[in-house]
Protein backbone atom coordinates (compact mmCIF):
# COMPACT_ATOMS: atom_id res chain seq x y z
CA MET A 1 18.87 8.94 -14.97
CA ASN A 2 20.29 10.96 -12.09
CA CYS A 3 18.44 9.69 -8.99
CA PRO A 4 20.23 11.88 -6.42
CA LEU A 5 19.31 15.00 -8.43
CA ILE A 6 15.66 13.95 -8.70
CA ALA A 7 15.62 13.15 -4.98
CA ARG A 8 17.00 16.61 -4.17
CA ILE A 9 14.41 18.28 -6.41
CA LEU A 10 11.58 16.30 -4.78
CA TYR A 11 12.97 17.12 -1.32
CA ALA A 12 13.12 20.85 -2.16
CA ALA A 13 9.58 20.74 -3.53
CA ALA A 14 8.35 19.02 -0.36
CA LEU A 15 10.03 21.64 1.82
CA LEU A 16 8.47 24.42 -0.23
CA ALA A 17 5.04 22.82 0.08
CA LEU A 18 5.47 22.44 3.85
CA ALA A 19 6.56 26.06 4.18
CA SER A 20 3.49 27.30 2.36
CA CYS A 21 1.26 25.13 4.57
CA ALA A 22 2.96 26.42 7.69
CA SER A 23 2.39 30.03 6.74
CA SER A 24 -1.32 29.43 6.07
CA LYS A 25 -1.66 27.71 9.45
CA ASN A 26 -0.55 30.97 11.10
CA ALA A 27 -3.82 32.60 10.03
CA PHE A 28 -6.13 33.27 12.98
CA VAL A 29 -9.30 31.18 12.67
CA GLN A 30 -11.81 30.75 15.48
CA THR A 31 -15.11 28.91 15.76
CA GLY A 32 -17.85 29.40 18.31
CA GLN A 33 -21.12 31.21 18.83
CA GLY A 34 -21.82 34.58 17.25
CA SER A 35 -24.51 37.14 17.94
CA TYR A 36 -25.29 40.75 17.13
CA TYR A 37 -25.67 44.04 18.95
CA ALA A 38 -29.05 44.94 20.39
CA ASP A 39 -30.64 48.11 19.03
CA LYS A 40 -30.30 49.81 22.43
CA PHE A 41 -26.54 50.21 21.82
CA ALA A 42 -26.98 52.43 18.73
CA GLY A 43 -25.06 55.67 19.15
CA ARG A 44 -23.27 54.54 22.31
CA PRO A 45 -19.47 54.64 22.27
CA THR A 46 -17.63 51.40 21.58
CA ALA A 47 -14.41 50.46 23.37
CA SER A 48 -12.45 52.08 20.54
CA GLY A 49 -14.29 55.36 21.17
CA VAL A 50 -16.36 55.48 17.98
CA PRO A 51 -20.15 55.27 18.35
CA TYR A 52 -21.85 52.00 17.45
CA ARG A 53 -23.67 52.39 14.14
CA PRO A 54 -26.03 49.50 13.26
CA GLY A 55 -25.71 50.32 9.54
CA GLN A 56 -21.94 49.83 9.42
CA MET A 57 -20.02 46.59 9.05
CA THR A 58 -18.37 46.34 12.47
CA ALA A 59 -17.85 43.77 15.21
CA ALA A 60 -16.80 43.23 18.80
CA HIS A 61 -14.10 40.70 19.70
CA ASN A 62 -12.41 40.23 23.07
CA THR A 63 -8.78 40.10 21.93
CA LEU A 64 -8.26 41.15 18.30
CA PRO A 65 -6.83 44.66 17.86
CA PHE A 66 -9.18 47.47 16.84
CA GLY A 67 -9.12 47.94 13.08
CA THR A 68 -8.63 44.23 12.33
CA LEU A 69 -10.63 43.09 9.30
CA ILE A 70 -12.29 39.72 9.86
CA GLN A 71 -14.53 37.44 7.86
CA VAL A 72 -17.43 36.01 9.84
CA THR A 73 -19.23 32.99 8.38
CA ASN A 74 -22.58 31.65 9.55
CA VAL A 75 -21.79 27.93 9.69
CA ARG A 76 -25.46 26.98 9.27
CA ASN A 77 -25.96 28.63 5.87
CA GLY A 78 -22.44 29.46 4.63
CA ARG A 79 -23.09 33.22 4.36
CA SER A 80 -20.07 35.41 5.10
CA VAL A 81 -19.41 39.09 5.79
CA LYS A 82 -16.30 41.20 6.24
CA VAL A 83 -16.37 43.39 9.34
CA THR A 84 -13.92 45.60 11.20
CA VAL A 85 -13.28 45.07 14.92
CA ASN A 86 -13.98 48.29 16.82
CA ASP A 87 -15.27 47.05 20.17
CA ARG A 88 -14.64 44.54 22.95
CA GLY A 89 -17.02 41.71 23.65
CA PRO A 90 -19.16 39.79 23.50
CA HIS A 91 -19.48 39.61 27.25
CA VAL A 92 -21.48 36.38 27.28
CA LYS A 93 -19.74 33.07 27.97
CA GLY A 94 -19.27 30.94 24.87
CA ARG A 95 -19.69 33.73 22.33
CA ILE A 96 -16.73 34.81 20.21
CA VAL A 97 -18.10 37.74 18.21
CA ASP A 98 -20.90 40.31 18.15
CA VAL A 99 -21.60 41.83 14.74
CA SER A 100 -23.50 44.97 13.78
CA LYS A 101 -27.16 44.74 12.77
CA LYS A 102 -26.29 45.22 9.07
CA ALA A 103 -23.80 42.35 9.21
CA ALA A 104 -26.32 40.22 11.11
CA ARG A 105 -28.91 40.73 8.37
CA GLN A 106 -26.43 39.68 5.70
CA LEU A 107 -25.51 36.60 7.74
CA ASP A 108 -29.21 35.86 8.30
CA ILE A 109 -28.87 35.62 12.08
CA VAL A 110 -31.36 38.28 13.21
CA GLU A 111 -34.19 35.84 13.90
CA ALA A 112 -32.00 33.19 15.50
CA GLY A 113 -30.04 35.70 17.59
CA VAL A 114 -27.12 33.35 18.19
CA VAL A 115 -25.60 30.98 15.62
CA PRO A 116 -22.44 28.93 15.19
CA VAL A 117 -19.84 30.98 13.32
CA GLN A 118 -16.30 30.81 12.08
CA LEU A 119 -14.17 33.90 11.99
CA LYS A 120 -10.97 34.41 10.10
CA VAL A 121 -8.58 37.34 10.25
CA LEU A 122 -8.20 38.85 6.78
CA LYS A 123 -6.03 41.83 7.70
CA LYS A 124 -4.63 42.45 11.16
CA ALA A 125 -4.49 46.05 12.33
CA LYS A 126 -1.04 47.63 12.53
């Protein structure tokens, strides 16, 4: 049995496993409080210039580039949605994302108003 060869194979496998873990750790994940846009904002321009449409799957985030696709998960019930960042906000301390009314319904946060969420970047804008 060739122990040095087996040791080198195991070492290479460990490095490969660590490299794949490192790349997955580079994914942007954030937890905090999430809310949704009030109806009074319907039709008003977002920071990206497009009007807010309650029936679209969009979101506001303070730092992610416009056009970034994110997954928002309601931590209380496990429901998730995919939304595109097209606005800045929320402008309330402690909140990390505002989602459109359609997304809020799918997440089941309309009654609660604010819930703990996790967001994950699925595709960063170019």
